[in-house]
């Protein structure tokens, strides 16, 4: 039974009812640690009658596992992926979940596959997706699931995110409505204490309510501390009563009172994030522990076991069990788990446990981690790839290998959109390497991110540094950074910067310097800057060290529709585009055959004025009849209006203006130069 949560449960009940009626919805349940988010998500799962419930939880130690959270959420649907998804989406999702080899694609592709999978599965019955502690979910899973949840509309799916605020890393859910969870009122807090600890007297209950600040987990922990005779009540001061630190301290005190064998098994369970009870017991056997040693922890409701899984009653209990143990004991636990691990993911799980147990640099473990990061890249898990490369660099004993892994991590973070991490790793490469090839790539990462952030000067500075390093490493390909400088400068309208890039290439006798100059002239021509006309900007220039290039190929094809307004100021088309002789183009044969059905004729025999039609009657030859008072006008679709020919009065006005400017009116309109409408 929930106390003081009627507004929140009403919202959740409305979402479930709407899903049964065919409407999808998504909410982000946000609040401090212990405020009751997990309890509300449990309530929603219990009241989702007739729903398929998919549930996952973010675990801090699994943030380096690509698509680990997605794997946990979609377990009930994994065997049906091939039946519910088309082959391309099914293959991509299989590869992301490590069920098949090959390249998975981007997070957006995985998100589309998840969205399609949920939509197809919801045809049979509504679906409730619950992701608790989303702030600890791996970035690859989070991006794919956020992509899918934002696009839910009428798939009979309810998606609930549980996000801890205050003491955890930020987890923004832009575009998703929040369901904030605040403290419970004093009356509800007293009812909760009376139900949970009926033996407490009135004065003690009111004292606990006063210092707990409406946090339900703090209420229960303070009552337990008082019942066990611990000093936990006085530890919750008014300044710290809302923080997870005080709650974790209370859990640590409860764990410290357990037998040593029980604490050992709790440490193993906290270190093995998959909840594999068999693996925990197998590793515990190396220390002489058995299943019976878990009974004291279950009696205190710190853990729960179900079948072959073991779980903690609250994520803060896992944190207290792990970080409350000395570093030496944590390393011993990871080594025992590494020696005991088995199954299809033996290599991945073993290398992570060995990395957690390593006291210092270990090249063999770093090599295994680098191999694992390469596998993550193939699966499309670039965020996990970046984290794994960073961990491999920390454990690298070879300085050259360390720099390479830092650089690979920076590039992976760049692909994953993790700009801060990419900048940090690339800066480490710049400060620790003298290899021009490495520095060239590191400055490229920094230049692109600076351009993303709108810092034109920093972007150009890094591109110039990349150019200098590339001149030392591979002069034949050193034009690429200068092309990017010119492009960035044109985007920001800084033509002086673009000129400096072209001059830099010409000073160094760069092979591609004429092409950099050509890009600059094109940009100046399109912007009508620097005394360069559009015609001059569009002319191909010869290479400085070779024979003159042939001009742009000319074609007798008419203007495409998307180029109908791309003409020079004097009315001539751009170089390389020549209108069909004879002026006006002709409709394709199938459209000419449709003219009688449209009931319209034009003096030139091939244009159908469709912009304004009177109801029940078509336009007569030579123009349109004026619309009388009271007559209705038919709204013509946009795709037809785009193919409509202007009426005679508009054409005469445009012709007079064009003739006054000294050009061909048809080509100035972009409609008489022979382009084929509708192409």
Foldseek 3Di string as FASTA:
>chain_A
DAFQCVVVLVVLVVQLVVLQVQWEAEAEEEEAPLQQLVVSVVVSVVPNPFAAEFEFEFDQLCQLPQCPRVCRRCVVCLVCLPVQDPDLLSVLCCLLNVVDDFFNDALLSPLVSVLSSLLSVCVVPAYEYEYAQVLRHHLSNLSSVLSNNLPGTRSSYYYYYYHHDDPGDDDDNPNHHYDYRDAGDLVRQLVLCCVLPVPDDDVVSSLQSVLLRRRNLSSNLLVVCVVVVHPLSVVRHNVPNRHLVSVLVSLLVVLVPADPLLLLLLQLCLLPPVQQQVLSQQLSVVVPHHPVSVVVCVVVQQWDDDDRGIGGPGSSNSVSSHVVDDLQSNLSSLCSSLVRDDDPCNLVSNLSSNLSNDPFADQVSLVSLLVVLVSCVSSNRLSSSLVSLQSSLRNHPDLVSSLVSLLSSLVSCLSSVVLVSNLVSLVVNVVRDDQLVSLLSSLCSQLVVCVVVVNLVSNLVSLVSSLVSCCVVPLQPSCVSLLVNLVSCLVVVNLVSLVVSLVVCVVVVRQCSLVSVLSSLLSCQVVVPDVRHNQNSQWDAAGPPDDRDDTAAADAAADAPVCLQQDGPQLHHHPRYAFHPPWAAAEPPVQLVCVVVQVAAEPVGGAAADQWQWPPHGAYYQFHDDDDPPTDIDHDDPLVNSRHDDHPVVLVVQCVVSVVSNHHSCSNSSRGRHHHPPD
